[in-house]
C-alpha atoms as a PDB file:
ATOM      1  CA  UNK A   1      16.541   0.541  -2.934  1.00  0.00           C
ATOM      2  CA  UNK A   2      17.902  -2.827  -1.867  1.00  0.00           C
ATOM      3  CA  UNK A   3      19.660  -3.262  -5.190  1.00  0.00           C
ATOM      4  CA  UNK A   4      21.124   0.254  -5.022  1.00  0.00           C
ATOM      5  CA  UNK A   5      22.348  -0.500  -1.490  1.00  0.00           C
ATOM      6  CA  UNK A   6      24.026  -3.701  -2.657  1.00  0.00           C
ATOM      7  CA  UNK A   7      25.683  -1.881  -5.529  1.00  0.00           C
ATOM      8  CA  UNK A   8      26.928   0.920  -3.298  1.00  0.00           C
ATOM      9  CA  UNK A   9      28.426  -1.590  -0.861  1.00  0.00           C
ATOM     10  CA  UNK A  10      30.629  -2.981  -3.657  1.00  0.00           C
ATOM     11  CA  UNK A  11      32.053   0.364  -4.758  1.00  0.00           C
ATOM     12  CA  UNK A  12      35.465   1.219  -3.373  1.00  0.00           C
ATOM     13  CA  UNK A  13      35.979   4.580  -5.100  1.00  0.00           C
ATOM     14  CA  UNK A  14      34.897   7.223  -2.550  1.00  0.00           C
ATOM     15  CA  UNK A  15      34.061   9.760  -5.258  1.00  0.00           C
ATOM     16  CA  UNK A  16      31.398   7.368  -6.518  1.00  0.00           C
ATOM     17  CA  UNK A  17      30.466   5.795  -3.202  1.00  0.00           C
ATOM     18  CA  UNK A  18      29.437   8.916  -1.284  1.00  0.00           C
ATOM     19  CA  UNK A  19      27.007  10.298  -3.917  1.00  0.00           C
ATOM     20  CA  UNK A  20      25.537   6.843  -4.413  1.00  0.00           C
ATOM     21  CA  UNK A  21      24.971   6.382  -0.687  1.00  0.00           C
ATOM     22  CA  UNK A  22      23.370   9.829  -0.530  1.00  0.00           C
ATOM     23  CA  UNK A  23      21.117   8.897  -3.460  1.00  0.00           C
ATOM     24  CA  UNK A  24      20.062   5.650  -1.763  1.00  0.00           C
ATOM     25  CA  UNK A  25      19.203   7.572   1.402  1.00  0.00           C
ATOM     26  CA  UNK A  26      17.197  10.093  -0.621  1.00  0.00           C
ATOM     27  CA  UNK A  27      15.278   7.225  -2.225  1.00  0.00           C
ATOM     28  CA  UNK A  28      14.514   5.801   1.228  1.00  0.00           C
ATOM     29  CA  UNK A  29      13.230   9.149   2.426  1.00  0.00           C
ATOM     30  CA  UNK A  30      11.050   9.661  -0.637  1.00  0.00           C
ATOM     31  CA  UNK A  31       9.628   6.171  -0.324  1.00  0.00           C
ATOM     32  CA  UNK A  32       8.843   6.809   3.335  1.00  0.00           C
ATOM     33  CA  UNK A  33       7.104  10.065   2.463  1.00  0.00           C
ATOM     34  CA  UNK A  34       5.024   8.385  -0.241  1.00  0.00           C
ATOM     35  CA  UNK A  35       4.084   5.604   2.170  1.00  0.00           C
ATOM     36  CA  UNK A  36       3.033   8.171   4.786  1.00  0.00           C
ATOM     37  CA  UNK A  37       0.928  10.071   2.241  1.00  0.00           C
ATOM     38  CA  UNK A  38      -0.726   6.841   1.107  1.00  0.00           C
ATOM     39  CA  UNK A  39      -1.542   5.879   4.706  1.00  0.00           C
ATOM     40  CA  UNK A  40      -2.926   9.340   5.437  1.00  0.00           C
ATOM     41  CA  UNK A  41      -5.080   9.272   2.305  1.00  0.00           C
ATOM     42  CA  UNK A  42      -6.460   5.875   3.243  1.00  0.00           C
ATOM     43  CA  UNK A  43      -7.202   7.057   6.780  1.00  0.00           C
ATOM     44  CA  UNK A  44      -9.016  10.115   5.402  1.00  0.00           C
ATOM     45  CA  UNK A  45     -10.956   7.986   2.936  1.00  0.00           C
ATOM     46  CA  UNK A  46     -12.086   5.581   5.660  1.00  0.00           C
ATOM     47  CA  UNK A  47     -13.174   8.370   8.008  1.00  0.00           C
ATOM     48  CA  UNK A  48     -14.931  10.281   5.225  1.00  0.00           C
ATOM     49  CA  UNK A  49     -16.844   7.119   4.334  1.00  0.00           C
ATOM     50  CA  UNK A  50     -17.772   6.601   7.972  1.00  0.00           C
ATOM     51  CA  UNK A  51     -18.976  10.216   8.262  1.00  0.00           C
ATOM     52  CA  UNK A  52     -20.965   9.839   5.033  1.00  0.00           C
ATOM     53  CA  UNK A  53     -22.682   6.727   6.376  1.00  0.00           C
ATOM     54  CA  UNK A  54     -23.396   8.364   9.753  1.00  0.00           C
ATOM     55  CA  UNK A  55     -25.103  11.213   7.912  1.00  0.00           C
ATOM     56  CA  UNK A  56     -27.424   8.956   5.964  1.00  0.00           C
ATOM     57  CA  UNK A  57     -25.316   8.539   2.793  1.00  0.00           C
ATOM     58  CA  UNK A  58     -26.329  11.824   1.150  1.00  0.00           C
ATOM     59  CA  UNK A  59     -25.497  12.235  -2.525  1.00  0.00           C
ATOM     60  CA  UNK A  60     -23.188  15.000  -3.723  1.00  0.00           C
ATOM     61  CA  UNK A  61     -21.527  15.785  -0.390  1.00  0.00           C
ATOM     62  CA  UNK A  62     -18.358  13.746  -0.817  1.00  0.00           C
ATOM     63  CA  UNK A  63     -16.042  16.770  -0.728  1.00  0.00           C
ATOM     64  CA  UNK A  64     -17.670  17.990   2.476  1.00  0.00           C
ATOM     65  CA  UNK A  65     -17.028  14.673   4.224  1.00  0.00           C
ATOM     66  CA  UNK A  66     -13.507  14.421   2.806  1.00  0.00           C
ATOM     67  CA  UNK A  67     -12.615  17.878   4.135  1.00  0.00           C
ATOM     68  CA  UNK A  68     -14.198  17.125   7.490  1.00  0.00           C
ATOM     69  CA  UNK A  69     -12.194  13.906   7.734  1.00  0.00           C
ATOM     70  CA  UNK A  70      -8.974  15.752   6.796  1.00  0.00           C
ATOM     71  CA  UNK A  71      -9.651  18.329   9.497  1.00  0.00           C
ATOM     72  CA  UNK A  72     -10.444  15.746  12.187  1.00  0.00           C
ATOM     73  CA  UNK A  73      -7.364  13.687  11.404  1.00  0.00           C
ATOM     74  CA  UNK A  74      -5.074  16.714  11.323  1.00  0.00           C
ATOM     75  CA  UNK A  75      -6.470  17.842  14.698  1.00  0.00           C
ATOM     76  CA  UNK A  76      -5.988  14.355  16.100  1.00  0.00           C
ATOM     77  CA  UNK A  77      -2.381  14.246  14.865  1.00  0.00           C
ATOM     78  CA  UNK A  78      -1.541  17.630  16.412  1.00  0.00           C
ATOM     79  CA  UNK A  79      -2.282  16.364  19.916  1.00  0.00           C
END
């Protein structure tokens, strides 16, 4: 993204500049979305692990704790 920004700052032809700037902004947005998804996944993983431990570390219930963690985090984020 930084390199694309530097390149776009050197272009003087508006027909090239505007699409390139739009592309750089799209890249920034996509990167931000991926970062948010990664953070959310890590938060869910940590809470699911905590719930699993609180329930005595039962085998074969990983999906249950994952879904519970997703629900709790989504409820928390709505408030």
